[in-house]
Full PDB file with SEQRES, HELIX, SHEET, SSBOND, CRYST1, ORIGX, SCALE, CONECT and MASTER records, all heavy atoms in Angstrom:
SEQRES   1 A   32  HIS GLY ASP ARG GLY PHE LEU GLU GLU ILE ILE ALA ARG          
SEQRES   2 A   32  GLU VAL VAL ALA GLU ALA ARG ILE ARG ARG ALA ALA ILE          
SEQRES   3 A   32  LEU ALA TRP SER VAL THR                                      
HELIX    1 AA1 GLY A    2  VAL A   31  1                                  30    
CRYST1    1.000    1.000    1.000  90.00  90.00  90.00 P 1           1          
ORIGX1      1.000000  0.000000  0.000000        0.00000                         
ORIGX2      0.000000  1.000000  0.000000        0.00000                         
ORIGX3      0.000000  0.000000  1.000000        0.00000                         
SCALE1      1.000000  0.000000  0.000000        0.00000                         
SCALE2      0.000000  1.000000  0.000000        0.00000                         
SCALE3      0.000000  0.000000  1.000000        0.00000                         
ATOM      1  N   HIS A   1      -8.381  13.150  -1.374  1.00  0.00           N  
ATOM      2  CA  HIS A   1      -7.994  13.098   0.030  1.00  0.00           C  
ATOM      3  C   HIS A   1      -7.547  11.688   0.422  1.00  0.00           C  
ATOM      4  O   HIS A   1      -6.557  11.508   1.119  1.00  0.00           O  
ATOM      5  CB  HIS A   1      -9.160  13.560   0.914  1.00  0.00           C  
ATOM      6  CG  HIS A   1      -8.844  13.495   2.371  1.00  0.00           C  
ATOM      7  ND1 HIS A   1      -7.928  14.336   2.949  1.00  0.00           N  
ATOM      8  CD2 HIS A   1      -9.307  12.679   3.355  1.00  0.00           C  
ATOM      9  CE1 HIS A   1      -7.835  14.042   4.230  1.00  0.00           C  
ATOM     10  NE2 HIS A   1      -8.675  13.044   4.510  1.00  0.00           N  
ATOM     11  N   GLY A   2      -8.264  10.678  -0.027  1.00  0.00           N  
ATOM     12  CA  GLY A   2      -7.896   9.293   0.275  1.00  0.00           C  
ATOM     13  C   GLY A   2      -6.572   8.900  -0.346  1.00  0.00           C  
ATOM     14  O   GLY A   2      -5.768   8.216   0.267  1.00  0.00           O  
ATOM     15  N   ASP A   3      -6.325   9.334  -1.579  1.00  0.00           N  
ATOM     16  CA  ASP A   3      -5.065   9.032  -2.247  1.00  0.00           C  
ATOM     17  C   ASP A   3      -3.897   9.722  -1.551  1.00  0.00           C  
ATOM     18  O   ASP A   3      -2.829   9.146  -1.419  1.00  0.00           O  
ATOM     19  CB  ASP A   3      -5.116   9.449  -3.715  1.00  0.00           C  
ATOM     20  CG  ASP A   3      -6.057   8.568  -4.524  1.00  0.00           C  
ATOM     21  OD1 ASP A   3      -6.368   7.454  -4.043  1.00  0.00           O  
ATOM     22  OD2 ASP A   3      -6.486   9.001  -5.600  1.00  0.00           O  
ATOM     23  N   ARG A   4      -4.103  10.958  -1.114  1.00  0.00           N  
ATOM     24  CA  ARG A   4      -3.034  11.663  -0.399  1.00  0.00           C  
ATOM     25  C   ARG A   4      -2.723  10.981   0.921  1.00  0.00           C  
ATOM     26  O   ARG A   4      -1.574  10.860   1.312  1.00  0.00           O  
ATOM     27  CB  ARG A   4      -3.424  13.122  -0.153  1.00  0.00           C  
ATOM     28  CG  ARG A   4      -3.205  13.996  -1.333  1.00  0.00           C  
ATOM     29  CD  ARG A   4      -3.384  15.437  -0.978  1.00  0.00           C  
ATOM     30  NE  ARG A   4      -3.283  16.251  -2.169  1.00  0.00           N  
ATOM     31  CZ  ARG A   4      -3.652  17.494  -2.230  1.00  0.00           C  
ATOM     32  NH1 ARG A   4      -4.179  18.080  -1.168  1.00  0.00           N  
ATOM     33  NH2 ARG A   4      -3.522  18.170  -3.342  1.00  0.00           N  
ATOM     34  N   GLY A   5      -3.767  10.533   1.631  1.00  0.00           N  
ATOM     35  CA  GLY A   5      -3.545   9.834   2.893  1.00  0.00           C  
ATOM     36  C   GLY A   5      -2.783   8.539   2.690  1.00  0.00           C  
ATOM     37  O   GLY A   5      -1.895   8.199   3.475  1.00  0.00           O  
ATOM     38  N   PHE A   6      -3.132   7.815   1.646  1.00  0.00           N  
ATOM     39  CA  PHE A   6      -2.439   6.568   1.338  1.00  0.00           C  
ATOM     40  C   PHE A   6      -0.986   6.845   0.965  1.00  0.00           C  
ATOM     41  O   PHE A   6      -0.078   6.132   1.389  1.00  0.00           O  
ATOM     42  CB  PHE A   6      -3.164   5.848   0.197  1.00  0.00           C  
ATOM     43  CG  PHE A   6      -2.587   4.509  -0.132  1.00  0.00           C  
ATOM     44  CD1 PHE A   6      -2.630   3.478   0.790  1.00  0.00           C  
ATOM     45  CD2 PHE A   6      -1.999   4.280  -1.362  1.00  0.00           C  
ATOM     46  CE1 PHE A   6      -2.098   2.235   0.495  1.00  0.00           C  
ATOM     47  CE2 PHE A   6      -1.469   3.049  -1.664  1.00  0.00           C  
ATOM     48  CZ  PHE A   6      -1.518   2.020  -0.733  1.00  0.00           C  
ATOM     49  N   LEU A   7      -0.758   7.894   0.184  1.00  0.00           N  
ATOM     50  CA  LEU A   7       0.599   8.278  -0.200  1.00  0.00           C  
ATOM     51  C   LEU A   7       1.406   8.689   1.023  1.00  0.00           C  
ATOM     52  O   LEU A   7       2.566   8.304   1.171  1.00  0.00           O  
ATOM     53  CB  LEU A   7       0.547   9.414  -1.226  1.00  0.00           C  
ATOM     54  CG  LEU A   7       1.881   9.888  -1.781  1.00  0.00           C  
ATOM     55  CD1 LEU A   7       2.551   8.762  -2.547  1.00  0.00           C  
ATOM     56  CD2 LEU A   7       1.671  11.086  -2.671  1.00  0.00           C  
ATOM     57  N   GLU A   8       0.776   9.448   1.916  1.00  0.00           N  
ATOM     58  CA  GLU A   8       1.456   9.857   3.144  1.00  0.00           C  
ATOM     59  C   GLU A   8       1.855   8.632   3.972  1.00  0.00           C  
ATOM     60  O   GLU A   8       2.941   8.588   4.549  1.00  0.00           O  
ATOM     61  CB  GLU A   8       0.544  10.764   3.973  1.00  0.00           C  
ATOM     62  CG  GLU A   8       0.269  12.112   3.360  1.00  0.00           C  
ATOM     63  CD  GLU A   8       1.445  13.036   3.449  1.00  0.00           C  
ATOM     64  OE1 GLU A   8       2.271  12.869   4.373  1.00  0.00           O  
ATOM     65  OE2 GLU A   8       1.559  13.932   2.594  1.00  0.00           O  
ATOM     66  N   GLU A   9       0.980   7.653   4.026  1.00  0.00           N  
ATOM     67  CA  GLU A   9       1.254   6.439   4.791  1.00  0.00           C  
ATOM     68  C   GLU A   9       2.427   5.669   4.189  1.00  0.00           C  
ATOM     69  O   GLU A   9       3.307   5.186   4.919  1.00  0.00           O  
ATOM     70  CB  GLU A   9      -0.002   5.572   4.800  1.00  0.00           C  
ATOM     71  CG  GLU A   9       0.119   4.329   5.636  1.00  0.00           C  
ATOM     72  CD  GLU A   9      -1.157   3.516   5.595  1.00  0.00           C  
ATOM     73  OE1 GLU A   9      -2.253   4.105   5.545  1.00  0.00           O  
ATOM     74  OE2 GLU A   9      -1.036   2.283   5.589  1.00  0.00           O  
ATOM     75  N   ILE A  10       2.462   5.558   2.884  1.00  0.00           N  
ATOM     76  CA  ILE A  10       3.568   4.858   2.213  1.00  0.00           C  
ATOM     77  C   ILE A  10       4.886   5.588   2.464  1.00  0.00           C  
ATOM     78  O   ILE A  10       5.904   4.968   2.780  1.00  0.00           O  
ATOM     79  CB  ILE A  10       3.295   4.733   0.699  1.00  0.00           C  
ATOM     80  CG1 ILE A  10       2.157   3.758   0.448  1.00  0.00           C  
ATOM     81  CG2 ILE A  10       4.549   4.287  -0.045  1.00  0.00           C  
ATOM     82  CD1 ILE A  10       1.706   3.714  -0.990  1.00  0.00           C  
ATOM     83  N   ILE A  11       4.861   6.903   2.344  1.00  0.00           N  
ATOM     84  CA  ILE A  11       6.077   7.695   2.558  1.00  0.00           C  
ATOM     85  C   ILE A  11       6.547   7.567   3.998  1.00  0.00           C  
ATOM     86  O   ILE A  11       7.740   7.408   4.266  1.00  0.00           O  
ATOM     87  CB  ILE A  11       5.834   9.170   2.170  1.00  0.00           C  
ATOM     88  CG1 ILE A  11       5.668   9.275   0.651  1.00  0.00           C  
ATOM     89  CG2 ILE A  11       6.976  10.057   2.636  1.00  0.00           C  
ATOM     90  CD1 ILE A  11       5.225  10.632   0.178  1.00  0.00           C  
ATOM     91  N   ALA A  12       5.613   7.606   4.943  1.00  0.00           N  
ATOM     92  CA  ALA A  12       5.983   7.485   6.352  1.00  0.00           C  
ATOM     93  C   ALA A  12       6.622   6.125   6.634  1.00  0.00           C  
ATOM     94  O   ALA A  12       7.616   6.039   7.369  1.00  0.00           O  
ATOM     95  CB  ALA A  12       4.759   7.692   7.232  1.00  0.00           C  
ATOM     96  N   ARG A  13       6.063   5.057   6.059  1.00  0.00           N  
ATOM     97  CA  ARG A  13       6.645   3.724   6.256  1.00  0.00           C  
ATOM     98  C   ARG A  13       8.046   3.634   5.684  1.00  0.00           C  
ATOM     99  O   ARG A  13       8.942   3.034   6.277  1.00  0.00           O  
ATOM    100  CB  ARG A  13       5.753   2.666   5.611  1.00  0.00           C  
ATOM    101  CG  ARG A  13       4.745   2.108   6.579  1.00  0.00           C  
ATOM    102  CD  ARG A  13       4.070   0.890   6.005  1.00  0.00           C  
ATOM    103  NE  ARG A  13       2.836   1.339   5.370  1.00  0.00           N  
ATOM    104  CZ  ARG A  13       2.285   0.818   4.310  1.00  0.00           C  
ATOM    105  NH1 ARG A  13       2.839  -0.206   3.723  1.00  0.00           N  
ATOM    106  NH2 ARG A  13       1.175   1.295   3.815  1.00  0.00           N  
ATOM    107  N   GLU A  14       8.258   4.220   4.507  1.00  0.00           N  
ATOM    108  CA  GLU A  14       9.579   4.181   3.885  1.00  0.00           C  
ATOM    109  C   GLU A  14      10.602   4.997   4.682  1.00  0.00           C  
ATOM    110  O   GLU A  14      11.754   4.593   4.797  1.00  0.00           O  
ATOM    111  CB  GLU A  14       9.506   4.698   2.445  1.00  0.00           C  
ATOM    112  CG  GLU A  14       8.813   3.754   1.506  1.00  0.00           C  
ATOM    113  CD  GLU A  14       9.578   2.456   1.324  1.00  0.00           C  
ATOM    114  OE1 GLU A  14      10.820   2.474   1.299  1.00  0.00           O  
ATOM    115  OE2 GLU A  14       8.917   1.419   1.219  1.00  0.00           O  
ATOM    116  N   VAL A  15      10.169   6.120   5.226  1.00  0.00           N  
ATOM    117  CA  VAL A  15      11.074   6.945   6.036  1.00  0.00           C  
ATOM    118  C   VAL A  15      11.484   6.183   7.297  1.00  0.00           C  
ATOM    119  O   VAL A  15      12.652   6.199   7.693  1.00  0.00           O  
ATOM    120  CB  VAL A  15      10.403   8.295   6.380  1.00  0.00           C  
ATOM    121  CG1 VAL A  15      11.169   9.029   7.460  1.00  0.00           C  
ATOM    122  CG2 VAL A  15      10.297   9.158   5.135  1.00  0.00           C  
ATOM    123  N   VAL A  16      10.537   5.491   7.927  1.00  0.00           N  
ATOM    124  CA  VAL A  16      10.844   4.700   9.120  1.00  0.00           C  
ATOM    125  C   VAL A  16      11.806   3.563   8.777  1.00  0.00           C  
ATOM    126  O   VAL A  16      12.771   3.311   9.506  1.00  0.00           O  
ATOM    127  CB  VAL A  16       9.545   4.164   9.762  1.00  0.00           C  
ATOM    128  CG1 VAL A  16       9.836   3.116  10.812  1.00  0.00           C  
ATOM    129  CG2 VAL A  16       8.742   5.305  10.353  1.00  0.00           C  
ATOM    130  N   ALA A  17      11.570   2.892   7.672  1.00  0.00           N  
ATOM    131  CA  ALA A  17      12.455   1.793   7.252  1.00  0.00           C  
ATOM    132  C   ALA A  17      13.857   2.313   6.954  1.00  0.00           C  
ATOM    133  O   ALA A  17      14.865   1.679   7.325  1.00  0.00           O  
ATOM    134  CB  ALA A  17      11.876   1.078   6.042  1.00  0.00           C  
ATOM    135  N   GLU A  18      13.947   3.444   6.290  1.00  0.00           N  
ATOM    136  CA  GLU A  18      15.254   4.023   5.985  1.00  0.00           C  
ATOM    137  C   GLU A  18      15.989   4.413   7.257  1.00  0.00           C  
ATOM    138  O   GLU A  18      17.192   4.174   7.387  1.00  0.00           O  
ATOM    139  CB  GLU A  18      15.086   5.248   5.085  1.00  0.00           C  
ATOM    140  CG  GLU A  18      16.382   5.913   4.731  1.00  0.00           C  
ATOM    141  CD  GLU A  18      16.194   7.140   3.859  1.00  0.00           C  
ATOM    142  OE1 GLU A  18      15.120   7.302   3.260  1.00  0.00           O  
ATOM    143  OE2 GLU A  18      17.134   7.939   3.792  1.00  0.00           O  
ATOM    144  N   ALA A  19      15.278   4.992   8.218  1.00  0.00           N  
ATOM    145  CA  ALA A  19      15.908   5.376   9.482  1.00  0.00           C  
ATOM    146  C   ALA A  19      16.395   4.141  10.240  1.00  0.00           C  
ATOM    147  O   ALA A  19      17.474   4.159  10.839  1.00  0.00           O  
ATOM    148  CB  ALA A  19      14.923   6.168  10.333  1.00  0.00           C  
ATOM    149  N   ARG A  20      15.638   3.056  10.181  1.00  0.00           N  
ATOM    150  CA  ARG A  20      16.030   1.821  10.860  1.00  0.00           C  
ATOM    151  C   ARG A  20      17.300   1.244  10.230  1.00  0.00           C  
ATOM    152  O   ARG A  20      18.211   0.823  10.942  1.00  0.00           O  
ATOM    153  CB  ARG A  20      14.893   0.807  10.768  1.00  0.00           C  
ATOM    154  CG  ARG A  20      15.059  -0.371  11.670  1.00  0.00           C  
ATOM    155  CD  ARG A  20      13.863  -1.295  11.622  1.00  0.00           C  
ATOM    156  NE  ARG A  20      12.647  -0.592  12.013  1.00  0.00           N  
ATOM    157  CZ  ARG A  20      11.469  -0.735  11.417  1.00  0.00           C  
ATOM    158  NH1 ARG A  20      11.328  -1.568  10.416  1.00  0.00           N  
ATOM    159  NH2 ARG A  20      10.415  -0.073  11.830  1.00  0.00           N  
ATOM    160  N   ILE A  21      17.373   1.255   8.911  1.00  0.00           N  
ATOM    161  CA  ILE A  21      18.570   0.750   8.228  1.00  0.00           C  
ATOM    162  C   ILE A  21      19.771   1.624   8.543  1.00  0.00           C  
ATOM    163  O   ILE A  21      20.870   1.133   8.811  1.00  0.00           O  
ATOM    164  CB  ILE A  21      18.332   0.665   6.707  1.00  0.00           C  
ATOM    165  CG1 ILE A  21      17.351  -0.463   6.395  1.00  0.00           C  
ATOM    166  CG2 ILE A  21      19.628   0.469   5.942  1.00  0.00           C  
ATOM    167  CD1 ILE A  21      16.910  -0.495   4.949  1.00  0.00           C  
ATOM    168  N   ARG A  22      19.563   2.935   8.546  1.00  0.00           N  
ATOM    169  CA  ARG A  22      20.670   3.857   8.830  1.00  0.00           C  
ATOM    170  C   ARG A  22      21.176   3.677  10.265  1.00  0.00           C  
ATOM    171  O   ARG A  22      22.382   3.668  10.511  1.00  0.00           O  
ATOM    172  CB  ARG A  22      20.223   5.294   8.607  1.00  0.00           C  
ATOM    173  CG  ARG A  22      21.395   6.267   8.686  1.00  0.00           C  
ATOM    174  CD  ARG A  22      20.997   7.689   8.428  1.00  0.00           C  
ATOM    175  NE  ARG A  22      20.302   7.824   7.177  1.00  0.00           N  
ATOM    176  CZ  ARG A  22      19.313   8.683   6.975  1.00  0.00           C  
ATOM    177  NH1 ARG A  22      18.913   9.469   7.936  1.00  0.00           N  
ATOM    178  NH2 ARG A  22      18.730   8.758   5.805  1.00  0.00           N  
ATOM    179  N   ARG A  23      20.253   3.512  11.234  1.00  0.00           N  
ATOM    180  CA  ARG A  23      20.666   3.292  12.620  1.00  0.00           C  
ATOM    181  C   ARG A  23      21.443   1.989  12.759  1.00  0.00           C  
ATOM    182  O   ARG A  23      22.452   1.937  13.479  1.00  0.00           O  
ATOM    183  CB  ARG A  23      19.446   3.252  13.538  1.00  0.00           C  
ATOM    184  CG  ARG A  23      19.033   4.585  14.065  1.00  0.00           C  
ATOM    185  CD  ARG A  23      18.002   4.399  15.154  1.00  0.00           C  
ATOM    186  NE  ARG A  23      16.865   3.645  14.640  1.00  0.00           N  
ATOM    187  CZ  ARG A  23      15.661   4.136  14.431  1.00  0.00           C  
ATOM    188  NH1 ARG A  23      15.418   5.382  14.710  1.00  0.00           N  
ATOM    189  NH2 ARG A  23      14.696   3.378  13.958  1.00  0.00           N  
ATOM    190  N   ALA A  24      21.006   0.933  12.084  1.00  0.00           N  
ATOM    191  CA  ALA A  24      21.713  -0.349  12.155  1.00  0.00           C  
ATOM    192  C   ALA A  24      23.118  -0.223  11.565  1.00  0.00           C  
ATOM    193  O   ALA A  24      24.078  -0.772  12.115  1.00  0.00           O  
ATOM    194  CB  ALA A  24      20.918  -1.427  11.420  1.00  0.00           C  
ATOM    195  N   ALA A  25      23.245   0.510  10.472  1.00  0.00           N  
ATOM    196  CA  ALA A  25      24.569   0.701   9.863  1.00  0.00           C  
ATOM    197  C   ALA A  25      25.484   1.498  10.783  1.00  0.00           C  
ATOM    198  O   ALA A  25      26.658   1.147  10.964  1.00  0.00           O  
ATOM    199  CB  ALA A  25      24.432   1.407   8.516  1.00  0.00           C  
ATOM    200  N   ILE A  26      24.963   2.547  11.394  1.00  0.00           N  
ATOM    201  CA  ILE A  26      25.778   3.367  12.296  1.00  0.00           C  
ATOM    202  C   ILE A  26      26.211   2.555  13.511  1.00  0.00           C  
ATOM    203  O   ILE A  26      27.368   2.620  13.935  1.00  0.00           O  
ATOM    204  CB  ILE A  26      25.005   4.633  12.713  1.00  0.00           C  
ATOM    205  CG1 ILE A  26      24.902   5.581  11.522  1.00  0.00           C  
ATOM    206  CG2 ILE A  26      25.682   5.333  13.888  1.00  0.00           C  
ATOM    207  CD1 ILE A  26      23.984   6.759  11.746  1.00  0.00           C  
ATOM    208  N   LEU A  27      25.304   1.769  14.069  1.00  0.00           N  
ATOM    209  CA  LEU A  27      25.647   0.935  15.219  1.00  0.00           C  
ATOM    210  C   LEU A  27      26.706  -0.095  14.854  1.00  0.00           C  
ATOM    211  O   LEU A  27      27.680  -0.296  15.592  1.00  0.00           O  
ATOM    212  CB  LEU A  27      24.395   0.247  15.749  1.00  0.00           C  
ATOM    213  CG  LEU A  27      24.615  -0.687  16.932  1.00  0.00           C  
ATOM    214  CD1 LEU A  27      25.063   0.103  18.157  1.00  0.00           C  
ATOM    215  CD2 LEU A  27      23.355  -1.455  17.231  1.00  0.00           C  
ATOM    216  N   ALA A  28      26.537  -0.748  13.708  1.00  0.00           N  
ATOM    217  CA  ALA A  28      27.508  -1.766  13.293  1.00  0.00           C  
ATOM    218  C   ALA A  28      28.880  -1.156  13.051  1.00  0.00           C  
ATOM    219  O   ALA A  28      29.905  -1.716  13.468  1.00  0.00           O  
ATOM    220  CB  ALA A  28      27.016  -2.485  12.043  1.00  0.00           C  
ATOM    221  N   TRP A  29      28.940   0.003  12.409  1.00  0.00           N  
ATOM    222  CA  TRP A  29      30.231   0.643  12.176  1.00  0.00           C  
ATOM    223  C   TRP A  29      30.851   1.131  13.483  1.00  0.00           C  
ATOM    224  O   TRP A  29      32.075   1.092  13.646  1.00  0.00           O  
ATOM    225  CB  TRP A  29      30.106   1.798  11.183  1.00  0.00           C  
ATOM    226  CG  TRP A  29      30.006   1.329   9.773  1.00  0.00           C  
ATOM    227  CD1 TRP A  29      28.928   1.419   8.949  1.00  0.00           C  
ATOM    228  CD2 TRP A  29      31.022   0.673   9.007  1.00  0.00           C  
ATOM    229  NE1 TRP A  29      29.204   0.855   7.725  1.00  0.00           N  
ATOM    230  CE2 TRP A  29      30.481   0.398   7.734  1.00  0.00           C  
ATOM    231  CE3 TRP A  29      32.324   0.278   9.276  1.00  0.00           C  
ATOM    232  CZ2 TRP A  29      31.208  -0.240   6.743  1.00  0.00           C  
ATOM    233  CZ3 TRP A  29      33.041  -0.359   8.280  1.00  0.00           C  
ATOM    234  CH2 TRP A  29      32.492  -0.611   7.035  1.00  0.00           C  
ATOM    235  N   SER A  30      30.028   1.587  14.410  1.00  0.00           N  
ATOM    236  CA  SER A  30      30.553   2.020  15.712  1.00  0.00           C  
ATOM    237  C   SER A  30      31.196   0.859  16.458  1.00  0.00           C  
ATOM    238  O   SER A  30      32.291   1.003  17.022  1.00  0.00           O  
ATOM    239  CB  SER A  30      29.433   2.625  16.562  1.00  0.00           C  
ATOM    240  OG  SER A  30      28.890   3.748  15.937  1.00  0.00           O  
ATOM    241  N   VAL A  31      30.527  -0.279  16.466  1.00  0.00           N  
ATOM    242  CA  VAL A  31      31.094  -1.459  17.133  1.00  0.00           C  
ATOM    243  C   VAL A  31      32.370  -1.900  16.423  1.00  0.00           C  
ATOM    244  O   VAL A  31      33.352  -2.281  17.067  1.00  0.00           O  
ATOM    245  CB  VAL A  31      30.056  -2.602  17.186  1.00  0.00           C  
ATOM    246  CG1 VAL A  31      30.688  -3.896  17.653  1.00  0.00           C  
ATOM    247  CG2 VAL A  31      28.900  -2.221  18.094  1.00  0.00           C  
ATOM    248  N   THR A  32      32.375  -1.811  15.109  1.00  0.00           N  
ATOM    249  CA  THR A  32      33.569  -2.194  14.351  1.00  0.00           C  
ATOM    250  C   THR A  32      34.762  -1.333  14.736  1.00  0.00           C  
ATOM    251  O   THR A  32      35.845  -1.845  15.039  1.00  0.00           O  
ATOM    252  CB  THR A  32      33.312  -2.062  12.838  1.00  0.00           C  
ATOM    253  OG1 THR A  32      32.241  -2.931  12.490  1.00  0.00           O  
ATOM    254  CG2 THR A  32      34.544  -2.405  12.037  1.00  0.00           C  
TER     255      THR A  32                                                      
MASTER        0    0    0    1    0    0    0    6  254    1    0    3          
END                                                                             
C-alpha cells in the first residue's frame, strides 16, 4: 500500500509537470 501511494504521488507530479510544459508551449506558439 505504501509503495503504491508513493508511485501514485510520483505519477501525479509527472503528469502535472507535463501539463505545465504543454500549456507553456501552447501559449508560446499562440503568441508567435
